[in-house]
Amino acid sequence: MVEETIQVIRETEAKADAITRDAEVKGNQIVDDAEKQAKQWKEEQLAVMEEKMQKAMTDAREEGERVQAETLSKIEKEVVALKELASVKEEEAVSLVIAQLVS
């Protein structure tokens, strides 16, 4: 009877050891899977952020180019207007000089 009890205890200990080893293996696997998922999620988030950053940079560049073109157009119109004004003033000055010389 004692031998049977000892045998049952040994079998129980062996089962407990097997369960412990199995749990450790499964626990390690769960940790490994979680680390892999976290790494993949991090890479995906970095890719999303990179894409958003690139889009923001492209949008900013396009906006800058648009503003630059708009400003250049305004400056060109201003230059044309100033040239026209200078031409009118030149004609007035020439007429005034001629009038002064004639009189």
PDB file of N, CA and C in Angstrom:
ATOM      1  N   MET A   1       0.815  -1.181   0.000  1.00  0.00           N
ATOM      2  CA  MET A   1       0.000   0.000   0.000  1.00  0.00           C
ATOM      3  C   MET A   1       0.871   1.263   0.000  1.00  0.00           C
ATOM      4  N   VAL A   2       1.930   1.258   0.767  1.00  0.00           N
ATOM      5  CA  VAL A   2       2.851   2.389   0.808  1.00  0.00           C
ATOM      6  C   VAL A   2       3.493   2.567  -0.564  1.00  0.00           C
ATOM      7  N   GLU A   3       3.836   1.444  -1.189  1.00  0.00           N
ATOM      8  CA  GLU A   3       4.449   1.523  -2.513  1.00  0.00           C
ATOM      9  C   GLU A   3       3.484   2.127  -3.526  1.00  0.00           C
ATOM     10  N   GLU A   4       2.220   1.773  -3.414  1.00  0.00           N
ATOM     11  CA  GLU A   4       1.214   2.336  -4.313  1.00  0.00           C
ATOM     12  C   GLU A   4       1.086   3.847  -4.097  1.00  0.00           C
ATOM     13  N   THR A   5       1.112   4.253  -2.846  1.00  0.00           N
ATOM     14  CA  THR A   5       1.013   5.677  -2.515  1.00  0.00           C
ATOM     15  C   THR A   5       2.220   6.421  -3.060  1.00  0.00           C
ATOM     16  N   ILE A   6       3.409   5.829  -2.872  1.00  0.00           N
ATOM     17  CA  ILE A   6       4.635   6.444  -3.385  1.00  0.00           C
ATOM     18  C   ILE A   6       4.569   6.532  -4.907  1.00  0.00           C
ATOM     19  N   GLN A   7       4.075   5.462  -5.537  1.00  0.00           N
ATOM     20  CA  GLN A   7       3.947   5.447  -6.993  1.00  0.00           C
ATOM     21  C   GLN A   7       2.981   6.542  -7.460  1.00  0.00           C
ATOM     22  N   VAL A   8       1.852   6.693  -6.774  1.00  0.00           N
ATOM     23  CA  VAL A   8       0.864   7.719  -7.117  1.00  0.00           C
ATOM     24  C   VAL A   8       1.486   9.105  -6.952  1.00  0.00           C
ATOM     25  N   ILE A   9       2.259   9.287  -5.869  1.00  0.00           N
ATOM     26  CA  ILE A   9       2.919  10.573  -5.626  1.00  0.00           C
ATOM     27  C   ILE A   9       3.912  10.865  -6.744  1.00  0.00           C
ATOM     28  N   ARG A  10       4.693   9.859  -7.133  1.00  0.00           N
ATOM     29  CA  ARG A  10       5.673  10.049  -8.211  1.00  0.00           C
ATOM     30  C   ARG A  10       4.978  10.398  -9.532  1.00  0.00           C
ATOM     31  N   GLU A  11       3.905   9.680  -9.811  1.00  0.00           N
ATOM     32  CA  GLU A  11       3.159   9.964 -11.036  1.00  0.00           C
ATOM     33  C   GLU A  11       2.575  11.382 -11.005  1.00  0.00           C
ATOM     34  N   THR A  12       2.060  11.751  -9.849  1.00  0.00           N
ATOM     35  CA  THR A  12       1.496  13.095  -9.690  1.00  0.00           C
ATOM     36  C   THR A  12       2.583  14.151  -9.854  1.00  0.00           C
ATOM     37  N   GLU A  13       3.755  13.892  -9.247  1.00  0.00           N
ATOM     38  CA  GLU A  13       4.877  14.826  -9.398  1.00  0.00           C
ATOM     39  C   GLU A  13       5.319  14.918 -10.858  1.00  0.00           C
ATOM     40  N   ALA A  14       5.362  13.769 -11.534  1.00  0.00           N
ATOM     41  CA  ALA A  14       5.753  13.755 -12.944  1.00  0.00           C
ATOM     42  C   ALA A  14       4.741  14.545 -13.777  1.00  0.00           C
ATOM     43  N   LYS A  15       3.445  14.344 -13.489  1.00  0.00           N
ATOM     44  CA  LYS A  15       2.412  15.093 -14.204  1.00  0.00           C
ATOM     45  C   LYS A  15       2.541  16.590 -13.909  1.00  0.00           C
ATOM     46  N   ALA A  16       2.806  16.913 -12.649  1.00  0.00           N
ATOM     47  CA  ALA A  16       2.960  18.322 -12.261  1.00  0.00           C
ATOM     48  C   ALA A  16       4.165  18.935 -12.969  1.00  0.00           C
ATOM     49  N   ASP A  17       5.266  18.190 -13.039  1.00  0.00           N
ATOM     50  CA  ASP A  17       6.451  18.677 -13.761  1.00  0.00           C
ATOM     51  C   ASP A  17       6.134  18.887 -15.241  1.00  0.00           C
ATOM     52  N   ALA A  18       5.421  17.940 -15.827  1.00  0.00           N
ATOM     53  CA  ALA A  18       5.058  18.051 -17.242  1.00  0.00           C
ATOM     54  C   ALA A  18       4.149  19.265 -17.462  1.00  0.00           C
ATOM     55  N   ILE A  19       3.192  19.446 -16.571  1.00  0.00           N
ATOM     56  CA  ILE A  19       2.288  20.597 -16.673  1.00  0.00           C
ATOM     57  C   ILE A  19       3.081  21.894 -16.520  1.00  0.00           C
ATOM     58  N   THR A  20       4.025  21.922 -15.578  1.00  0.00           N
ATOM     59  CA  THR A  20       4.852  23.110 -15.355  1.00  0.00           C
ATOM     60  C   THR A  20       5.696  23.421 -16.585  1.00  0.00           C
ATOM     61  N   ARG A  21       6.336  22.381 -17.151  1.00  0.00           N
ATOM     62  CA  ARG A  21       7.143  22.590 -18.361  1.00  0.00           C
ATOM     63  C   ARG A  21       6.269  23.074 -19.518  1.00  0.00           C
ATOM     64  N   ASP A  22       5.117  22.451 -19.669  1.00  0.00           N
ATOM     65  CA  ASP A  22       4.195  22.839 -20.735  1.00  0.00           C
ATOM     66  C   ASP A  22       3.732  24.290 -20.543  1.00  0.00           C
ATOM     67  N   ALA A  23       3.419  24.645 -19.314  1.00  0.00           N
ATOM     68  CA  ALA A  23       2.989  26.013 -19.023  1.00  0.00           C
ATOM     69  C   ALA A  23       4.116  27.001 -19.296  1.00  0.00           C
ATOM     70  N   GLU A  24       5.341  26.620 -18.962  1.00  0.00           N
ATOM     71  CA  GLU A  24       6.483  27.498 -19.224  1.00  0.00           C
ATOM     72  C   GLU A  24       6.681  27.693 -20.723  1.00  0.00           C
ATOM     73  N   VAL A  25       6.577  26.589 -21.472  1.00  0.00           N
ATOM     74  CA  VAL A  25       6.717  26.677 -22.930  1.00  0.00           C
ATOM     75  C   VAL A  25       5.611  27.560 -23.507  1.00  0.00           C
ATOM     76  N   LYS A  26       4.373  27.326 -23.075  1.00  0.00           N
ATOM     77  CA  LYS A  26       3.252  28.128 -23.566  1.00  0.00           C
ATOM     78  C   LYS A  26       3.411  29.593 -23.152  1.00  0.00           C
ATOM     79  N   GLY A  27       3.859  29.819 -21.926  1.00  0.00           N
ATOM     80  CA  GLY A  27       4.082  31.190 -21.455  1.00  0.00           C
ATOM     81  C   GLY A  27       5.139  31.893 -22.286  1.00  0.00           C
ATOM     82  N   ASN A  28       6.237  31.191 -22.559  1.00  0.00           N
ATOM     83  CA  ASN A  28       7.292  31.770 -23.402  1.00  0.00           C
ATOM     84  C   ASN A  28       6.779  32.059 -24.807  1.00  0.00           C
ATOM     85  N   GLN A  29       5.959  31.144 -25.320  1.00  0.00           N
ATOM     86  CA  GLN A  29       5.382  31.336 -26.653  1.00  0.00           C
ATOM     87  C   GLN A  29       4.463  32.557 -26.672  1.00  0.00           C
ATOM     88  N   ILE A  30       3.671  32.708 -25.619  1.00  0.00           N
ATOM     89  CA  ILE A  30       2.771  33.866 -25.527  1.00  0.00           C
ATOM     90  C   ILE A  30       3.580  35.159 -25.489  1.00  0.00           C
ATOM     91  N   VAL A  31       4.660  35.159 -24.704  1.00  0.00           N
ATOM     92  CA  VAL A  31       5.521  36.346 -24.617  1.00  0.00           C
ATOM     93  C   VAL A  31       6.162  36.627 -25.975  1.00  0.00           C
ATOM     94  N   ASP A  32       6.673  35.585 -26.626  1.00  0.00           N
ATOM     95  CA  ASP A  32       7.283  35.765 -27.953  1.00  0.00           C
ATOM     96  C   ASP A  32       6.268  36.319 -28.957  1.00  0.00           C
ATOM     97  N   ASP A  33       5.067  35.744 -28.951  1.00  0.00           N
ATOM     98  CA  ASP A  33       4.021  36.220 -29.860  1.00  0.00           C
ATOM     99  C   ASP A  33       3.669  37.680 -29.570  1.00  0.00           C
ATOM    100  N   ALA A  34       3.562  38.013 -28.295  1.00  0.00           N
ATOM    101  CA  ALA A  34       3.239  39.395 -27.920  1.00  0.00           C
ATOM    102  C   ALA A  34       4.344  40.344 -28.376  1.00  0.00           C
ATOM    103  N   GLU A  35       5.601  39.934 -28.218  1.00  0.00           N
ATOM    104  CA  GLU A  35       6.720  40.770 -28.666  1.00  0.00           C
ATOM    105  C   GLU A  35       6.688  40.955 -30.185  1.00  0.00           C
ATOM    106  N   LYS A  36       6.400  39.866 -30.910  1.00  0.00           N
ATOM    107  CA  LYS A  36       6.318  39.956 -32.371  1.00  0.00           C
ATOM    108  C   LYS A  36       5.180  40.880 -32.791  1.00  0.00           C
ATOM    109  N   GLN A  37       4.031  40.729 -32.141  1.00  0.00           N
ATOM    110  CA  GLN A  37       2.889  41.584 -32.471  1.00  0.00           C
ATOM    111  C   GLN A  37       3.195  43.045 -32.149  1.00  0.00           C
ATOM    112  N   ALA A  38       3.845  43.276 -31.019  1.00  0.00           N
ATOM    113  CA  ALA A  38       4.196  44.651 -30.642  1.00  0.00           C
ATOM    114  C   ALA A  38       5.172  45.247 -31.653  1.00  0.00           C
ATOM    115  N   LYS A  39       6.147  44.448 -32.075  1.00  0.00           N
ATOM    116  CA  LYS A  39       7.117  44.930 -33.059  1.00  0.00           C
ATOM    117  C   LYS A  39       6.418  45.242 -34.381  1.00  0.00           C
ATOM    118  N   GLN A  40       5.538  44.344 -34.810  1.00  0.00           N
ATOM    119  CA  GLN A  40       4.811  44.554 -36.063  1.00  0.00           C
ATOM    120  C   GLN A  40       3.929  45.798 -35.959  1.00  0.00           C
ATOM    121  N   TRP A  41       3.224  45.954 -34.831  1.00  0.00           N
ATOM    122  CA  TRP A  41       2.362  47.115 -34.634  1.00  0.00           C
ATOM    123  C   TRP A  41       3.194  48.392 -34.672  1.00  0.00           C
ATOM    124  N   LYS A  42       4.359  48.356 -34.013  1.00  0.00           N
ATOM    125  CA  LYS A  42       5.248  49.524 -33.990  1.00  0.00           C
ATOM    126  C   LYS A  42       5.684  49.876 -35.410  1.00  0.00           C
ATOM    127  N   GLU A  43       6.081  48.873 -36.182  1.00  0.00           N
ATOM    128  CA  GLU A  43       6.513  49.109 -37.564  1.00  0.00           C
ATOM    129  C   GLU A  43       5.369  49.678 -38.405  1.00  0.00           C
ATOM    130  N   GLU A  44       4.164  49.140 -38.199  1.00  0.00           N
ATOM    131  CA  GLU A  44       3.005  49.642 -38.934  1.00  0.00           C
ATOM    132  C   GLU A  44       2.727  51.097 -38.566  1.00  0.00           C
ATOM    133  N   GLN A  45       2.794  51.405 -37.275  1.00  0.00           N
ATOM    134  CA  GLN A  45       2.549  52.777 -36.823  1.00  0.00           C
ATOM    135  C   GLN A  45       3.616  53.724 -37.361  1.00  0.00           C
ATOM    136  N   LEU A  46       4.858  53.260 -37.371  1.00  0.00           N
ATOM    137  CA  LEU A  46       5.931  54.091 -37.927  1.00  0.00           C
ATOM    138  C   LEU A  46       5.696  54.347 -39.416  1.00  0.00           C
ATOM    139  N   ALA A  47       5.240  53.325 -40.123  1.00  0.00           N
ATOM    140  CA  ALA A  47       4.960  53.485 -41.552  1.00  0.00           C
ATOM    141  C   ALA A  47       3.812  54.477 -41.763  1.00  0.00           C
ATOM    142  N   VAL A  48       2.786  54.374 -40.936  1.00  0.00           N
ATOM    143  CA  VAL A  48       1.654  55.300 -41.038  1.00  0.00           C
ATOM    144  C   VAL A  48       2.118  56.726 -40.752  1.00  0.00           C
ATOM    145  N   MET A  49       2.919  56.886 -39.704  1.00  0.00           N
ATOM    146  CA  MET A  49       3.419  58.219 -39.350  1.00  0.00           C
ATOM    147  C   MET A  49       4.337  58.761 -40.450  1.00  0.00           C
ATOM    148  N   GLU A  50       5.152  57.898 -41.024  1.00  0.00           N
ATOM    149  CA  GLU A  50       6.036  58.311 -42.122  1.00  0.00           C
ATOM    150  C   GLU A  50       5.200  58.799 -43.306  1.00  0.00           C
ATOM    151  N   GLU A  51       4.147  58.052 -43.611  1.00  0.00           N
ATOM    152  CA  GLU A  51       3.270  58.428 -44.722  1.00  0.00           C
ATOM    153  C   GLU A  51       2.589  59.774 -44.443  1.00  0.00           C
ATOM    154  N   LYS A  52       2.100  59.948 -43.210  1.00  0.00           N
ATOM    155  CA  LYS A  52       1.457  61.213 -42.848  1.00  0.00           C
ATOM    156  C   LYS A  52       2.453  62.364 -42.920  1.00  0.00           C
ATOM    157  N   MET A  53       3.679  62.112 -42.456  1.00  0.00           N
ATOM    158  CA  MET A  53       4.705  63.146 -42.486  1.00  0.00           C
ATOM    159  C   MET A  53       5.033  63.526 -43.932  1.00  0.00           C
ATOM    160  N   GLN A  54       5.170  62.525 -44.795  1.00  0.00           N
ATOM    161  CA  GLN A  54       5.459  62.794 -46.203  1.00  0.00           C
ATOM    162  C   GLN A  54       4.333  63.606 -46.842  1.00  0.00           C
ATOM    163  N   LYS A  55       3.092  63.238 -46.520  1.00  0.00           N
ATOM    164  CA  LYS A  55       1.944  63.975 -47.068  1.00  0.00           C
ATOM    165  C   LYS A  55       1.952  65.410 -46.560  1.00  0.00           C
ATOM    166  N   ALA A  56       2.219  65.589 -45.270  1.00  0.00           N
ATOM    167  CA  ALA A  56       2.259  66.944 -44.710  1.00  0.00           C
ATOM    168  C   ALA A  56       3.361  67.765 -45.372  1.00  0.00           C
ATOM    169  N   MET A  57       4.512  67.140 -45.603  1.00  0.00           N
ATOM    170  CA  MET A  57       5.614  67.845 -46.255  1.00  0.00           C
ATOM    171  C   MET A  57       5.244  68.203 -47.695  1.00  0.00           C
ATOM    172  N   THR A  58       4.616  67.274 -48.390  1.00  0.00           N
ATOM    173  CA  THR A  58       4.190  67.529 -49.771  1.00  0.00           C
ATOM    174  C   THR A  58       3.160  68.654 -49.808  1.00  0.00           C
ATOM    175  N   ASP A  59       2.191  68.583 -48.896  1.00  0.00           N
ATOM    176  CA  ASP A  59       1.169  69.629 -48.833  1.00  0.00           C
ATOM    177  C   ASP A  59       1.801  70.987 -48.536  1.00  0.00           C
ATOM    178  N   ALA A  60       2.742  71.009 -47.589  1.00  0.00           N
ATOM    179  CA  ALA A  60       3.407  72.267 -47.231  1.00  0.00           C
ATOM    180  C   ALA A  60       4.215  72.805 -48.411  1.00  0.00           C
ATOM    181  N   ARG A  61       4.906  71.914 -49.109  1.00  0.00           N
ATOM    182  CA  ARG A  61       5.697  72.324 -50.274  1.00  0.00           C
ATOM    183  C   ARG A  61       4.776  72.902 -51.355  1.00  0.00           C
ATOM    184  N   GLU A  62       3.670  72.207 -51.613  1.00  0.00           N
ATOM    185  CA  GLU A  62       2.723  72.679 -52.626  1.00  0.00           C
ATOM    186  C   GLU A  62       2.128  74.026 -52.228  1.00  0.00           C
ATOM    187  N   GLU A  63       1.793  74.176 -50.956  1.00  0.00           N
ATOM    188  CA  GLU A  63       1.248  75.449 -50.474  1.00  0.00           C
ATOM    189  C   GLU A  63       2.288  76.551 -50.612  1.00  0.00           C
ATOM    190  N   GLY A  64       3.530  76.243 -50.275  1.00  0.00           N
ATOM    191  CA  GLY A  64       4.612  77.219 -50.430  1.00  0.00           C
ATOM    192  C   GLY A  64       4.792  77.632 -51.881  1.00  0.00           C
ATOM    193  N   GLU A  65       4.743  76.664 -52.773  1.00  0.00           N
ATOM    194  CA  GLU A  65       4.881  76.962 -54.204  1.00  0.00           C
ATOM    195  C   GLU A  65       3.707  77.803 -54.699  1.00  0.00           C
ATOM    196  N   ARG A  66       2.512  77.489 -54.194  1.00  0.00           N
ATOM    197  CA  ARG A  66       1.324  78.251 -54.593  1.00  0.00           C
ATOM    198  C   ARG A  66       1.445  79.704 -54.116  1.00  0.00           C
ATOM    199  N   VAL A  67       1.835  79.872 -52.855  1.00  0.00           N
ATOM    200  CA  VAL A  67       1.988  81.224 -52.307  1.00  0.00           C
ATOM    201  C   VAL A  67       3.090  81.976 -53.049  1.00  0.00           C
ATOM    202  N   GLN A  68       4.170  81.276 -53.344  1.00  0.00           N
ATOM    203  CA  GLN A  68       5.280  81.906 -54.068  1.00  0.00           C
ATOM    204  C   GLN A  68       4.822  82.361 -55.460  1.00  0.00           C
ATOM    205  N   ALA A  69       4.092  81.511 -56.159  1.00  0.00           N
ATOM    206  CA  ALA A  69       3.600  81.866 -57.497  1.00  0.00           C
ATOM    207  C   ALA A  69       2.623  83.036 -57.417  1.00  0.00           C
ATOM    208  N   GLU A  70       1.764  83.002 -56.410  1.00  0.00           N
ATOM    209  CA  GLU A  70       0.796  84.081 -56.221  1.00  0.00           C
ATOM    210  C   GLU A  70       1.521  85.403 -55.933  1.00  0.00           C
ATOM    211  N   THR A  71       2.517  85.347 -55.069  1.00  0.00           N
ATOM    212  CA  THR A  71       3.291  86.544 -54.730  1.00  0.00           C
ATOM    213  C   THR A  71       4.051  87.057 -55.944  1.00  0.00           C
ATOM    214  N   LEU A  72       4.645  86.152 -56.695  1.00  0.00           N
ATOM    215  CA  LEU A  72       5.379  86.542 -57.903  1.00  0.00           C
ATOM    216  C   LEU A  72       4.445  87.218 -58.906  1.00  0.00           C
ATOM    217  N   SER A  73       3.249  86.677 -59.045  1.00  0.00           N
ATOM    218  CA  SER A  73       2.268  87.263 -59.962  1.00  0.00           C
ATOM    219  C   SER A  73       1.903  88.681 -59.520  1.00  0.00           C
ATOM    220  N   LYS A  74       1.698  88.858 -58.219  1.00  0.00           N
ATOM    221  CA  LYS A  74       1.374  90.194 -57.699  1.00  0.00           C
ATOM    222  C   LYS A  74       2.530  91.162 -57.943  1.00  0.00           C
ATOM    223  N   ILE A  75       3.750  90.690 -57.704  1.00  0.00           N
ATOM    224  CA  ILE A  75       4.931  91.538 -57.908  1.00  0.00           C
ATOM    225  C   ILE A  75       5.059  91.918 -59.379  1.00  0.00           C
ATOM    226  N   GLU A  76       4.843  90.952 -60.277  1.00  0.00           N
ATOM    227  CA  GLU A  76       4.930  91.240 -61.711  1.00  0.00           C
ATOM    228  C   GLU A  76       3.890  92.281 -62.121  1.00  0.00           C
ATOM    229  N   LYS A  77       2.674  92.171 -61.583  1.00  0.00           N
ATOM    230  CA  LYS A  77       1.632  93.154 -61.887  1.00  0.00           C
ATOM    231  C   LYS A  77       2.027  94.533 -61.353  1.00  0.00           C
ATOM    232  N   GLU A  78       2.620  94.539 -60.156  1.00  0.00           N
ATOM    233  CA  GLU A  78       3.064  95.796 -59.562  1.00  0.00           C
ATOM    234  C   GLU A  78       4.170  96.433 -60.399  1.00  0.00           C
ATOM    235  N   VAL A  79       5.094  95.612 -60.888  1.00  0.00           N
ATOM    236  CA  VAL A  79       6.183  96.115 -61.731  1.00  0.00           C
ATOM    237  C   VAL A  79       5.618  96.724 -63.009  1.00  0.00           C
ATOM    238  N   VAL A  80       4.660  96.037 -63.624  1.00  0.00           N
ATOM    239  CA  VAL A  80       4.034  96.557 -64.846  1.00  0.00           C
ATOM    240  C   VAL A  80       3.357  97.892 -64.552  1.00  0.00           C
ATOM    241  N   ALA A  81       2.623  97.956 -63.437  1.00  0.00           N
ATOM    242  CA  ALA A  81       1.935  99.203 -63.078  1.00  0.00           C
ATOM    243  C   ALA A  81       2.942 100.321 -62.822  1.00  0.00           C
ATOM    244  N   LEU A  82       4.046 100.012 -62.143  1.00  0.00           N
ATOM    245  CA  LEU A  82       5.074 101.025 -61.878  1.00  0.00           C
ATOM    246  C   LEU A  82       5.740 101.491 -63.167  1.00  0.00           C
ATOM    247  N   LYS A  83       5.961 100.572 -64.106  1.00  0.00           N
ATOM    248  CA  LYS A  83       6.551 100.956 -65.397  1.00  0.00           C
ATOM    249  C   LYS A  83       5.609 101.883 -66.155  1.00  0.00           C
ATOM    250  N   GLU A  84       4.311 101.554 -66.125  1.00  0.00           N
ATOM    251  CA  GLU A  84       3.328 102.406 -66.795  1.00  0.00           C
ATOM    252  C   GLU A  84       3.301 103.793 -66.155  1.00  0.00           C
ATOM    253  N   LEU A  85       3.331 103.818 -64.817  1.00  0.00           N
ATOM    254  CA  LEU A  85       3.335 105.094 -64.106  1.00  0.00           C
ATOM    255  C   LEU A  85       4.601 105.883 -64.431  1.00  0.00           C
ATOM    256  N   ALA A  86       5.739 105.192 -64.473  1.00  0.00           N
ATOM    257  CA  ALA A  86       7.003 105.855 -64.801  1.00  0.00           C
ATOM    258  C   ALA A  86       6.956 106.411 -66.218  1.00  0.00           C
ATOM    259  N   SER A  87       6.352 105.676 -67.136  1.00  0.00           N
ATOM    260  CA  SER A  87       6.241 106.133 -68.523  1.00  0.00           C
ATOM    261  C   SER A  87       5.389 107.395 -68.600  1.00  0.00           C
ATOM    262  N   VAL A  88       4.275 107.397 -67.874  1.00  0.00           N
ATOM    263  CA  VAL A  88       3.400 108.574 -67.851  1.00  0.00           C
ATOM    264  C   VAL A  88       4.144 109.761 -67.251  1.00  0.00           C
ATOM    265  N   LYS A  89       4.842 109.525 -66.133  1.00  0.00           N
ATOM    266  CA  LYS A  89       5.587 110.601 -65.478  1.00  0.00           C
ATOM    267  C   LYS A  89       6.707 111.117 -66.379  1.00  0.00           C
ATOM    268  N   GLU A  90       7.320 110.196 -67.127  1.00  0.00           N
ATOM    269  CA  GLU A  90       8.388 110.604 -68.049  1.00  0.00           C
ATOM    270  C   GLU A  90       7.818 111.515 -69.134  1.00  0.00           C
ATOM    271  N   GLU A  91       6.670 111.126 -69.681  1.00  0.00           N
ATOM    272  CA  GLU A  91       6.022 111.945 -70.710  1.00  0.00           C
ATOM    273  C   GLU A  91       5.662 113.321 -70.153  1.00  0.00           C
ATOM    274  N   GLU A  92       5.151 113.346 -68.920  1.00  0.00           N
ATOM    275  CA  GLU A  92       4.807 114.620 -68.286  1.00  0.00           C
ATOM    276  C   GLU A  92       6.058 115.481 -68.097  1.00  0.00           C
ATOM    277  N   ALA A  93       7.148 114.835 -67.658  1.00  0.00           N
ATOM    278  CA  ALA A  93       8.398 115.568 -67.435  1.00  0.00           C
ATOM    279  C   ALA A  93       8.934 116.128 -68.744  1.00  0.00           C
ATOM    280  N   VAL A  94       8.889 115.319 -69.803  1.00  0.00           N
ATOM    281  CA  VAL A  94       9.367 115.774 -71.118  1.00  0.00           C
ATOM    282  C   VAL A  94       8.515 116.945 -71.592  1.00  0.00           C
ATOM    283  N   SER A  95       7.201 116.817 -71.438  1.00  0.00           N
ATOM    284  CA  SER A  95       6.302 117.901 -71.850  1.00  0.00           C
ATOM    285  C   SER A  95       6.581 119.165 -71.055  1.00  0.00           C
ATOM    286  N   LEU A  96       6.835 119.023 -69.769  1.00  0.00           N
ATOM    287  CA  LEU A  96       7.121 120.173 -68.918  1.00  0.00           C
ATOM    288  C   LEU A  96       8.427 120.842 -69.326  1.00  0.00           C
ATOM    289  N   VAL A  97       9.447 120.034 -69.605  1.00  0.00           N
ATOM    290  CA  VAL A  97      10.744 120.584 -70.030  1.00  0.00           C
ATOM    291  C   VAL A  97      10.584 121.311 -71.355  1.00  0.00           C
ATOM    292  N   ILE A  98       9.869 120.699 -72.285  1.00  0.00           N
ATOM    293  CA  ILE A  98       9.651 121.329 -73.601  1.00  0.00           C
ATOM    294  C   ILE A  98       8.885 122.637 -73.418  1.00  0.00           C
ATOM    295  N   ALA A  99       7.872 122.620 -72.571  1.00  0.00           N
ATOM    296  CA  ALA A  99       7.080 123.828 -72.330  1.00  0.00           C
ATOM    297  C   ALA A  99       7.947 124.923 -71.726  1.00  0.00           C
ATOM    298  N   GLN A 100       8.853 124.553 -70.856  1.00  0.00           N
ATOM    299  CA  GLN A 100       9.739 125.527 -70.230  1.00  0.00           C
ATOM    300  C   GLN A 100      10.728 126.089 -71.250  1.00  0.00           C
ATOM    301  N   LEU A 101      11.189 125.238 -72.131  1.00  0.00           N
ATOM    302  CA  LEU A 101      12.150 125.679 -73.135  1.00  0.00           C
ATOM    303  C   LEU A 101      11.493 126.599 -74.165  1.00  0.00           C
ATOM    304  N   VAL A 102      10.270 126.301 -74.512  1.00  0.00           N
ATOM    305  CA  VAL A 102       9.560 127.055 -75.535  1.00  0.00           C
ATOM    306  C   VAL A 102       9.164 128.435 -74.989  1.00  0.00           C
ATOM    307  N   SER A 103       8.831 128.502 -73.763  1.00  0.00           N
ATOM    308  CA  SER A 103       8.358 129.785 -73.260  1.00  0.00           C
ATOM    309  C   SER A 103       9.436 130.705 -72.796  1.00  0.00           C
TER     310      SER A 103
END
